[in-house]
Each structure stands twice: as structure tokens, then as C-alpha cells.
């Protein structure tokens, strides 16, 4: 079968990366690239030994993304099998909206599949994967049997691969709003127009954790609340929740979500987070639980210093609002803010604030699953 495929030859360094479990080979480690366009290619080392099959993106710095170390057909049945395996690993989650496929983390590079009840929202984020779209979609239909599949290709990552940015319904129907459940909370996801693929599914475990740690009957603050996902969970325990966002549209959806759960203890406030935290500090307000979930401050490497300064400031402001023995959940580390850099945003403000409080719910490291 290998003879039917275009071949990419990689350097010793590139081959070693795969052997060590890294799913990517960069442009600088590709000695001989296929002359055709993007797609699935066979990968050899410089001695001609077969290393595996990969998605090839001729315009990307990430030239090769490992799919398998085996010389087997990668067709619709292959995608169906591996997507079904991913779904099986998520069985029993306390939610009806969750990520089924985590791209490289599940050994299916540049593929994201999110489930919203009976609907699926997917992203094909590399040129190599785009060439086998039909097989991937057939695999999704076979493995998950959704009522509808929506492709949310309006993400900047695709621009780096010189792919179009659009939103496309490719199977069945997907409504503008879908009611989903997370633990004991229900909310409306927005697959067509919401952030990410419709909701911030990557924060599900943190939301449940914060709800468990919130002081019963206490006072909670949710900064950058968006559609209120953290605030809804906090309101299950806290006696009163103040939720802040600068988007009126987002707060309207958040209020709908609160009504859906019969929660009347949340106060929604339209405001700039940095300015409002200063106002709360001047008023000597205190909270038993504070959640910080900002958007990415570091969109590029060049903006990292300013982003770190922003994280430090917001952490400091939040810590100064904490009551004694309270809990603060810090902002997540984003893709352009490495763990060592991000860690500098937290300890110094804690010491500066002088609060006898604790940091809880910081996201752990992400792992990559090697495809066998």
C-alpha cells in the first residue's frame, strides 16, 4: 500500500521527535517533501525506513502530523474506529456537552469534535486533514450518529494553513441554541455563533471543581463570566454571586441560563473587568470565592510581556477582594503563555496582596496520546 502514497523524508532529528512521542515534524526537519499538494503521506527516515503516515501541510511550519506508525489504509472506516474509541473514553462524563476528540491529545491531529447533546460541531484545522474531509465526516456520522454536523471553520488557525474561514452545515440540522447539561446545571450553548465551537467546554472540570469548593452560603465573584457558566455552578452553593462581563449580549444569554435553572441569586453587571475590580477594591468589598476566566491576553509571542502584566494585575486585584481563608481560581494558561511564564503571574501578587487565602482550580498540563 505504501507505494501508492507520496513520501516525505525527514531528518534524524525529526525521526527522533516521533520516536519520543511528539506528533509533529517541522518544516526544517523535512529533507524531501512530496511534490504534490496536502494530504496523507508516508514518512521515511533518511535511510529509507518507514516511520508512519502523516498529514502533510506544504504551507505550514508544522509540515507533518503523525496519524499512525502502521502501513494500513486510512479511510472512512479508520476514522470511524478511532473517533468511536475517543467517544468510548468519554462515556459517563457528567455532561451532555463535551469534547469527543482533542486533536493531538487523542492521536487525531488537527481534528476537534465537540458534542452538544445530539449535535456535533467539528473543526478540521490543517490542510492535510481538509483533503480527507469526506472520510472524516463519514467517520463522524458512523461513530457518533448525530442529528447534525456543523463545521466551525471560523478560527484563525486555519488561516495559517491558507484555508478558508467559514461556518458550514454538512449534515442534518444544528440549531442556533442547544440546551445542554453540566453536572446539575443546564445552559444554552450557541454552536453557530458562540465562542470556540459554541461553549468553553475545556473549563468543564474547573467549573465543577469551583462549585465544590465554594463556601456554602458565601459570597462569590465571577470575572469575565461570558454566558455565566462559572456563575451558574457557583450559585448552587454560594448565597450570592456577582458576575461581570463587558458584553451585554453575553450577559443576556447568561441571564437566560440562570432563568433556565431557576437561579435568582446572581447579579449580572456589564463592566470592564479591570476597572470594576478597582471599584470593588476601593469600596472594600470582600468575597469568599473569586473566579477569573479571561480571554487570551497573549494572542502572539510578541504580546506575551503585556499579557503577563495583565495577568499579574488581575490576580492582584482579585486577591485583594478575598475574605480570609477564601478561594481564588486563577486564569488558565493559554497556548502562547508557557507554564514557567504563566507561573510568574501568580505567586508575586499573592504575596503582595497579603491575603490568607488559597489558589484553587489551576489547570494541569495537557498530555499527548501517541497513536499506535
Protein backbone atom coordinates (compact mmCIF):
# COMPACT_ATOMS: atom_id res chain seq x y z
CA UNK A 1 0.00 0.00 0.00
CA UNK A 2 2.88 2.35 0.82
CA UNK A 3 3.94 2.50 -2.83
CA UNK A 4 0.67 4.29 -3.67
CA UNK A 5 1.47 7.21 -1.39
CA UNK A 6 3.66 10.26 -1.75
CA UNK A 7 6.71 10.08 0.51
CA UNK A 8 8.25 12.64 2.85
CA UNK A 9 11.82 12.06 4.03
CA UNK A 10 12.74 13.50 7.43
CA UNK A 11 15.99 14.20 9.24
CA UNK A 12 17.38 12.17 12.09
CA UNK A 13 16.19 14.88 14.47
CA UNK A 14 12.68 14.75 13.03
CA UNK A 15 12.56 10.96 13.28
CA UNK A 16 13.74 11.17 16.87
CA UNK A 17 10.87 13.52 17.72
CA UNK A 18 8.36 10.95 16.59
CA UNK A 19 10.20 8.17 18.39
CA UNK A 20 10.00 10.25 21.57
CA UNK A 21 6.22 10.59 21.18
CA UNK A 22 5.89 14.09 19.70
CA UNK A 23 3.19 14.17 16.99
CA UNK A 24 4.74 16.91 14.80
CA UNK A 25 7.65 17.31 12.43
CA UNK A 26 8.53 20.85 11.43
CA UNK A 27 9.48 22.29 8.06
CA UNK A 28 13.20 22.42 8.96
CA UNK A 29 13.31 18.65 9.56
CA UNK A 30 11.73 17.65 6.25
CA UNK A 31 14.60 16.76 3.89
CA UNK A 32 12.43 15.80 0.93
CA UNK A 33 8.84 16.93 0.66
CA UNK A 34 6.18 15.43 -1.60
CA UNK A 35 5.77 17.43 -4.78
CA UNK A 36 2.02 17.18 -4.71
CA UNK A 37 -0.32 19.23 -2.51
CA UNK A 38 -1.54 18.48 1.02
CA UNK A 39 -2.84 15.08 2.06
CA UNK A 40 -1.83 11.87 3.78
CA UNK A 41 1.75 10.81 3.04
CA UNK A 42 4.15 8.05 4.01
CA UNK A 43 7.10 9.20 6.10
CA UNK A 44 10.62 7.72 5.83
CA UNK A 45 13.85 8.45 7.63
CA UNK A 46 16.93 9.37 5.62
CA UNK A 47 17.91 5.69 5.30
CA UNK A 48 14.56 4.84 3.71
CA UNK A 49 12.97 3.15 6.72
CA UNK A 50 9.19 3.56 7.01
CA UNK A 51 8.22 5.62 10.07
CA UNK A 52 4.48 6.04 9.64
CA UNK A 53 1.77 8.02 7.89
CA UNK A 54 1.09 11.68 8.46
CA UNK A 55 -0.99 14.65 7.41
CA UNK A 56 1.14 16.81 5.12
CA UNK A 57 0.64 20.60 5.04
CA UNK A 58 3.00 22.20 2.49
CA UNK A 59 2.30 25.79 3.64
CA UNK A 60 2.57 25.26 7.38
CA UNK A 61 5.61 25.37 9.65
CA UNK A 62 4.22 22.10 11.01
CA UNK A 63 4.76 20.06 7.87
CA UNK A 64 3.84 16.61 9.16
CA UNK A 65 1.33 15.50 11.80
CA UNK A 66 1.57 11.83 12.76
CA UNK A 67 -1.53 9.69 12.25
CA UNK A 68 -0.22 6.15 12.59
CA UNK A 69 3.02 4.18 12.66
CA UNK A 70 1.37 1.42 10.62
CA UNK A 71 1.15 0.96 6.86
CA UNK A 72 -2.61 0.48 6.67
CA UNK A 73 -5.35 2.20 4.69
CA UNK A 74 -6.58 5.42 6.32
CA UNK A 75 -10.14 5.57 5.07
CA UNK A 76 -13.60 6.31 6.46
CA UNK A 77 -13.56 3.07 8.44
CA UNK A 78 -10.24 4.08 10.05
CA UNK A 79 -11.65 7.43 11.14
CA UNK A 80 -14.87 5.82 12.39
CA UNK A 81 -12.93 3.34 14.53
CA UNK A 82 -10.69 5.96 16.16
CA UNK A 83 -13.47 8.51 16.70
CA UNK A 84 -15.61 5.80 18.32
CA UNK A 85 -12.68 4.91 20.59
CA UNK A 86 -12.43 8.57 21.66
CA UNK A 87 -16.17 8.67 22.38
CA UNK A 88 -15.91 5.49 24.46
CA UNK A 89 -13.22 7.11 26.62
CA UNK A 90 -15.66 9.93 27.48
CA UNK A 91 -18.61 7.71 28.40
CA UNK A 92 -20.02 8.52 31.80
CA UNK A 93 -18.99 12.20 31.87
CA UNK A 94 -21.43 14.28 33.96
CA UNK A 95 -22.33 16.44 30.97
CA UNK A 96 -24.15 16.31 27.64
CA UNK A 97 -21.76 18.85 26.07
CA UNK A 98 -18.10 17.81 25.92
CA UNK A 99 -15.11 17.38 23.63
CA UNK A 100 -15.13 13.97 21.96
CA UNK A 101 -11.85 14.38 20.08
CA UNK A 102 -8.99 16.53 21.40
CA UNK A 103 -6.84 16.61 18.27
CA UNK A 104 -3.24 15.65 19.03
CA UNK A 105 -4.24 14.69 22.57
CA UNK A 106 -6.27 11.81 21.12
CA UNK A 107 -3.83 10.95 18.34
CA UNK A 108 -6.03 12.57 15.69
CA UNK A 109 -4.02 15.72 14.93
CA UNK A 110 -5.78 18.95 13.94
CA UNK A 111 -9.21 17.37 14.44
CA UNK A 112 -11.60 18.76 17.05
CA UNK A 113 -15.02 17.20 17.60
CA UNK A 114 -17.42 18.57 20.20
CA UNK A 115 -20.76 17.07 21.14
CA UNK A 116 -23.72 19.23 22.13
CA UNK A 117 -26.41 16.74 23.02
CA UNK A 118 -27.45 15.07 19.74
CA UNK A 119 -25.44 17.54 17.61
CA UNK A 120 -21.77 17.68 16.64
CA UNK A 121 -19.57 20.69 15.94
CA UNK A 122 -16.22 19.87 14.33
CA UNK A 123 -13.08 21.67 13.20
CA UNK A 124 -10.59 20.45 10.59
CA UNK A 125 -7.60 22.63 11.31
CA UNK A 126 -4.91 21.59 8.84
CA UNK A 127 -4.62 21.49 5.07
CA UNK A 128 -3.70 17.81 5.19
CA UNK A 129 -6.84 16.94 7.11
CA UNK A 130 -9.03 19.08 4.85
CA UNK A 131 -8.15 16.85 1.88
CA UNK A 132 -9.78 13.84 3.57
CA UNK A 133 -12.83 15.76 4.79
CA UNK A 134 -15.29 13.30 3.23
CA UNK A 135 -13.76 10.32 5.06
CA UNK A 136 -13.64 12.22 8.36
CA UNK A 137 -17.28 13.26 8.10
CA UNK A 138 -18.33 9.73 7.24
CA UNK A 139 -16.35 8.56 10.26
CA UNK A 140 -18.15 11.07 12.50
CA UNK A 141 -21.56 10.01 11.22
CA UNK A 142 -20.75 6.34 11.71
CA UNK A 143 -19.22 6.68 15.17
CA UNK A 144 -21.50 9.28 16.77
CA UNK A 145 -24.73 9.14 14.73
CA UNK A 146 -25.51 12.84 15.26
CA UNK A 147 -28.65 14.61 14.10
CA UNK A 148 -26.44 17.26 12.56
CA UNK A 149 -22.81 18.22 11.96
CA UNK A 150 -21.64 21.82 11.83
CA UNK A 151 -18.12 22.77 10.76
CA UNK A 152 -16.89 25.80 12.72
CA UNK A 153 -14.02 26.80 10.46
CA UNK A 154 -14.06 30.45 11.51
CA UNK A 155 -10.86 30.12 13.54
CA UNK A 156 -7.57 31.91 12.80
CA UNK A 157 -5.61 28.65 12.96
CA UNK A 158 -6.92 27.76 9.52
CA UNK A 159 -5.54 31.00 8.11
CA UNK A 160 -2.02 29.75 8.87
CA UNK A 161 -2.78 26.75 6.67
CA UNK A 162 -4.16 29.03 3.92
CA UNK A 163 -7.61 27.53 4.37
CA UNK A 164 -10.91 29.47 4.11
CA UNK A 165 -12.64 30.66 7.26
CA UNK A 166 -16.33 29.79 7.27
CA UNK A 167 -19.16 28.04 9.08
CA UNK A 168 -20.84 25.22 7.17
CA UNK A 169 -23.66 22.80 7.91
CA UNK A 170 -22.60 19.50 6.36
CA UNK A 171 -25.14 17.04 7.76
CA UNK A 172 -28.70 17.21 9.08
CA UNK A 173 -29.56 20.27 11.16
CA UNK A 174 -27.91 22.17 14.02
CA UNK A 175 -29.98 24.86 15.81
CA UNK A 176 -28.67 28.25 16.93
CA UNK A 177 -29.10 27.28 20.60
CA UNK A 178 -28.87 23.85 22.21
CA UNK A 179 -29.82 23.13 25.82
CA UNK A 180 -27.13 21.02 27.48
CA UNK A 181 -26.36 19.78 30.98
CA UNK A 182 -23.18 20.08 33.07
CA UNK A 183 -23.47 18.34 36.41
CA UNK A 184 -26.71 19.69 37.89
CA UNK A 185 -26.68 22.85 35.76
CA UNK A 186 -28.34 23.41 32.40
CA UNK A 187 -27.31 26.08 29.92
CA UNK A 188 -27.81 27.13 26.31
CA UNK A 189 -24.84 26.54 24.05
CA UNK A 190 -24.52 28.51 20.81
CA UNK A 191 -22.94 26.20 18.20
CA UNK A 192 -23.28 28.64 15.29
CA UNK A 193 -22.35 31.95 16.88
CA UNK A 194 -20.79 31.29 20.30
CA UNK A 195 -17.12 31.34 21.26
CA UNK A 196 -15.00 28.32 20.32
CA UNK A 197 -17.47 25.74 18.97
CA UNK A 198 -20.39 27.10 20.99
CA UNK A 199 -19.17 26.99 24.61
CA UNK A 200 -15.95 26.83 26.62
CA UNK A 201 -16.02 23.06 27.06
CA UNK A 202 -12.39 22.92 28.18
CA UNK A 203 -13.35 24.53 31.51
CA UNK A 204 -15.99 21.94 32.45
CA UNK A 205 -13.93 20.21 35.15
CA UNK A 206 -12.78 23.54 36.60
CA UNK A 207 -16.38 24.77 36.83
CA UNK A 208 -17.44 21.64 38.71
CA UNK A 209 -14.38 21.92 40.97
CA UNK A 210 -15.06 25.56 41.84
CA UNK A 211 -18.67 24.75 42.66
CA UNK A 212 -17.50 22.04 45.04
CA UNK A 213 -15.02 24.41 46.75
CA UNK A 214 -17.29 27.44 47.03
CA UNK A 215 -18.27 28.37 50.58
CA UNK A 216 -21.92 27.37 51.21
CA UNK A 217 -23.99 30.49 51.67
CA UNK A 218 -20.97 32.70 51.00
CA UNK A 219 -20.39 35.46 48.50
CA UNK A 220 -18.80 34.73 45.09
CA UNK A 221 -17.40 36.83 42.25
CA UNK A 222 -17.15 35.61 38.64
CA UNK A 223 -14.98 37.82 36.43
CA UNK A 224 -15.30 37.53 32.62
CA UNK A 225 -18.46 35.49 33.09
CA UNK A 226 -19.45 35.36 29.37
CA UNK A 227 -22.57 33.14 29.33
CA UNK A 228 -22.37 32.59 33.09
CA UNK A 229 -21.05 29.03 33.13
CA UNK A 230 -18.96 29.53 36.29
CA UNK A 231 -21.59 31.75 37.92
CA UNK A 232 -24.28 29.09 37.44
CA UNK A 233 -22.14 26.47 39.17
CA UNK A 234 -21.18 28.89 41.97
CA UNK A 235 -24.84 29.76 42.59
CA UNK A 236 -25.52 26.16 43.57
CA UNK A 237 -23.53 26.72 46.77
CA UNK A 238 -22.93 30.42 47.31
CA UNK A 239 -25.60 32.63 48.79
CA UNK A 240 -24.94 35.44 46.31
CA UNK A 241 -22.93 35.67 43.08
CA UNK A 242 -21.75 38.82 41.29
CA UNK A 243 -20.90 38.13 37.63
CA UNK A 244 -19.06 40.61 35.40
CA UNK A 245 -18.64 40.86 31.64
CA UNK A 246 -18.30 43.77 29.23
CA UNK A 247 -20.56 42.17 26.61
CA UNK A 248 -24.25 42.99 27.01
CA UNK A 249 -25.18 40.24 24.55
CA UNK A 250 -23.24 37.67 26.57
CA UNK A 251 -24.91 38.77 29.79
CA UNK A 252 -28.36 38.47 28.22
CA UNK A 253 -27.60 34.84 27.38
CA UNK A 254 -26.19 34.35 30.90
CA UNK A 255 -29.43 35.66 32.40
CA UNK A 256 -31.39 33.22 30.23
CA UNK A 257 -29.22 30.40 31.54
CA UNK A 258 -29.88 31.46 35.13
CA UNK A 259 -33.63 31.51 34.47
CA UNK A 260 -33.36 28.05 32.92
CA UNK A 261 -32.06 26.80 36.28
CA UNK A 262 -34.37 28.86 38.46
CA UNK A 263 -31.40 30.74 39.98
CA UNK A 264 -32.21 34.18 41.32
CA UNK A 265 -29.08 34.80 43.39
CA UNK A 266 -26.83 36.02 40.55
CA UNK A 267 -26.34 39.73 39.85
CA UNK A 268 -25.15 40.42 36.30
CA UNK A 269 -23.01 43.51 35.78
CA UNK A 270 -21.88 44.95 32.44
CA UNK A 271 -18.43 46.46 33.05
CA UNK A 272 -14.76 46.43 32.14
CA UNK A 273 -13.26 43.82 34.45
CA UNK A 274 -10.09 45.73 35.35
CA UNK A 275 -11.97 48.95 36.10
CA UNK A 276 -14.70 47.21 38.07
CA UNK A 277 -12.23 45.26 40.22
CA UNK A 278 -10.61 48.57 41.17
CA UNK A 279 -14.05 49.92 42.09
CA UNK A 280 -14.76 46.90 44.28
CA UNK A 281 -11.38 47.26 45.95
CA UNK A 282 -11.97 50.93 46.75
CA UNK A 283 -15.34 50.00 48.22
CA UNK A 284 -13.60 47.36 50.41
CA UNK A 285 -15.84 44.61 49.04
CA UNK A 286 -14.93 41.04 50.06
CA UNK A 287 -15.77 37.67 48.53
CA UNK A 288 -15.39 34.09 49.71
CA UNK A 289 -14.77 32.77 46.17
CA UNK A 290 -13.36 34.59 43.16
CA UNK A 291 -13.18 33.08 39.66
CA UNK A 292 -11.02 34.59 36.90
CA UNK A 293 -11.59 33.26 33.40
CA UNK A 294 -10.38 35.96 30.98
CA UNK A 295 -9.95 35.71 27.23
CA UNK A 296 -6.45 35.08 25.94
CA UNK A 297 -4.33 38.16 26.61
CA UNK A 298 -1.45 36.65 24.60
CA UNK A 299 -2.58 36.17 21.02
CA UNK A 300 1.03 36.11 19.77
CA UNK A 301 4.52 35.68 21.23
CA UNK A 302 5.13 39.40 20.76
CA UNK A 303 2.23 40.23 23.06
CA UNK A 304 3.39 37.90 25.85
CA UNK A 305 5.06 40.56 28.10
CA UNK A 306 1.93 42.70 28.10
CA UNK A 307 -0.22 39.61 28.69
CA UNK A 308 1.82 38.58 31.72
CA UNK A 309 1.50 42.11 33.12
CA UNK A 310 -2.27 41.88 32.61
CA UNK A 311 -2.49 38.52 34.37
CA UNK A 312 -0.43 39.84 37.29
CA UNK A 313 -2.66 42.86 37.67
CA UNK A 314 -5.90 40.94 37.56
CA UNK A 315 -4.60 38.33 40.01
CA UNK A 316 -3.55 41.08 42.41
CA UNK A 317 -6.92 42.83 42.16
CA UNK A 318 -8.74 39.55 42.77
CA UNK A 319 -6.61 38.59 45.77
CA UNK A 320 -7.30 41.94 47.42
CA UNK A 321 -11.03 41.20 47.27
CA UNK A 322 -10.78 37.88 49.08
CA UNK A 323 -12.09 37.36 52.56
CA UNK A 324 -9.80 35.42 54.96
CA UNK A 325 -9.47 31.72 54.09
CA UNK A 326 -11.23 32.33 50.77
CA UNK A 327 -10.55 30.62 47.43
CA UNK A 328 -9.44 32.17 44.13
CA UNK A 329 -9.41 30.25 40.87
CA UNK A 330 -6.76 31.81 38.56
CA UNK A 331 -7.00 32.31 34.81
CA UNK A 332 -5.95 29.40 32.60
CA UNK A 333 -2.59 29.27 30.84
CA UNK A 334 -3.19 29.92 27.15
CA UNK A 335 -1.32 28.44 24.24
CA UNK A 336 1.16 31.29 23.90
CA UNK A 337 1.88 31.50 27.63
CA UNK A 338 4.11 28.61 28.67
CA UNK A 339 3.86 27.14 32.17
CA UNK A 340 7.07 28.79 33.52
CA UNK A 341 5.98 32.20 32.23
CA UNK A 342 2.46 31.80 33.50
CA UNK A 343 3.57 30.75 36.98
CA UNK A 344 5.23 34.13 37.45
CA UNK A 345 1.81 35.77 37.15
CA UNK A 346 0.52 34.21 40.37
CA UNK A 347 2.90 33.94 43.36
CA UNK A 348 4.07 37.59 43.44
CA UNK A 349 0.55 39.09 43.52
CA UNK A 350 -0.44 36.63 46.27
CA UNK A 351 2.41 37.88 48.41
CA UNK A 352 1.72 41.49 47.52
CA UNK A 353 -1.94 41.22 48.39
CA UNK A 354 -1.14 39.74 51.77
CA UNK A 355 -4.30 37.65 51.82
CA UNK A 356 -4.55 34.49 53.92
CA UNK A 357 -6.31 32.70 51.10
CA UNK A 358 -5.73 29.84 48.67
CA UNK A 359 -5.36 29.31 44.94
CA UNK A 360 -7.54 26.51 43.61
CA UNK A 361 -8.51 25.02 40.27
CA UNK A 362 -5.41 25.88 38.23
CA UNK A 363 -5.47 23.79 35.04
CA UNK A 364 -2.98 20.95 34.86
CA UNK A 365 -0.65 20.10 31.97
CA UNK A 366 -2.07 18.69 28.77
CA UNK A 367 -0.93 15.27 27.61
CA UNK A 368 -0.49 13.89 24.14
CA UNK A 369 -1.58 10.37 23.25
CA UNK A 370 0.70 8.55 20.84
CA UNK A 371 -1.23 6.88 18.01
CA UNK A 372 -0.31 3.21 17.71
